[in-house]
Structures are given as C-alpha cells and as structure tokens.
Amino acid sequence: MVLPRLLHPVNITLQTMDISNTIYDENHREPIPQTVRNGDEIVLGQASIYGREMEVDIGGKIIKATGYVLFRYIDLASKSITLKTDDRITKIGNLTCVYYIVGLTPTGHYPEFGATMVKAFFNDRHPSKNNYSI
C-alpha cells in the first residue's frame, strides 16, 4: 500500500529537547535555567500558519495555536526524531522563526498501519522575535 504524500512539502528545521542533559529543579520539576536542545534537524513537512492565534479543539482539549505542521511518521523515523511538546521549530522553508510545539495529533489512519502522519500544533511564545507579516 502506498503511504500518503504531503501536498506542499517544505523543509522544517527542528530542535528537539535533550531531556537527559537538562538539569532539573527537584522541588518544582522544571529545567534550570534553560532546556538543553539537540542540534538542528531538517525534515519535510506541510506547514499552515494562521494569520492570528486560533484555538484548536483536539478531543475536548483546547490548544491555542499559531499554526501547525503535518509530518509523516516515516520521515521522522528516518531521522530518529520523536516529537514532544516544547520542541522548537526554527525555520519553515525560508522563514526563520521561533515556534514551540504545543500539541501533537496523529492523523492519516490506515487499517494496515494505523496513523501515518502527525499534526504538530505550534505557538509563537515570543512574537517580537519573528520578523514577518502575514
């Protein structure tokens, strides 16, 4: 069976968190002072950036997202990438940005394989760092 394709693929540059090398505060269970991140990984994805922040309803949970990127699991697996919330997107095509993944939803379900894609919703935590207009 043929796996689904991305309609308009672009290069997405990701920085995943390196949890094993991040120092944590035992009392508050949060990183001190900043999360350690792995180097840049480039993966094909299909991006959709909303003109303004939009609330997305995912099975009862509302996530405020600036947009999303659709990835194929096979592309992520070929680079040994496992997406998690708070992973950073630093480039979408030629657009340099600083977005953080706020939610993941499996999609593209097939009876033989299960989910073949993942939709990674992202949010802009620092709007002043992204110098572009939509």
Foldseek 3Di string as FASTA:
>chain_A
DDADDDPDKAKWKWWFFDVVPFDADPVVGDGPPDTDTDDIDIFIWAWDFDQDWDWDADPNDTDTFRTKIKHFVVRCVVVVHDDDFQIWTQDTHPFGATKTFHDKDFDDQDPVPGGGMIITGIHHPDVVVRPDHD
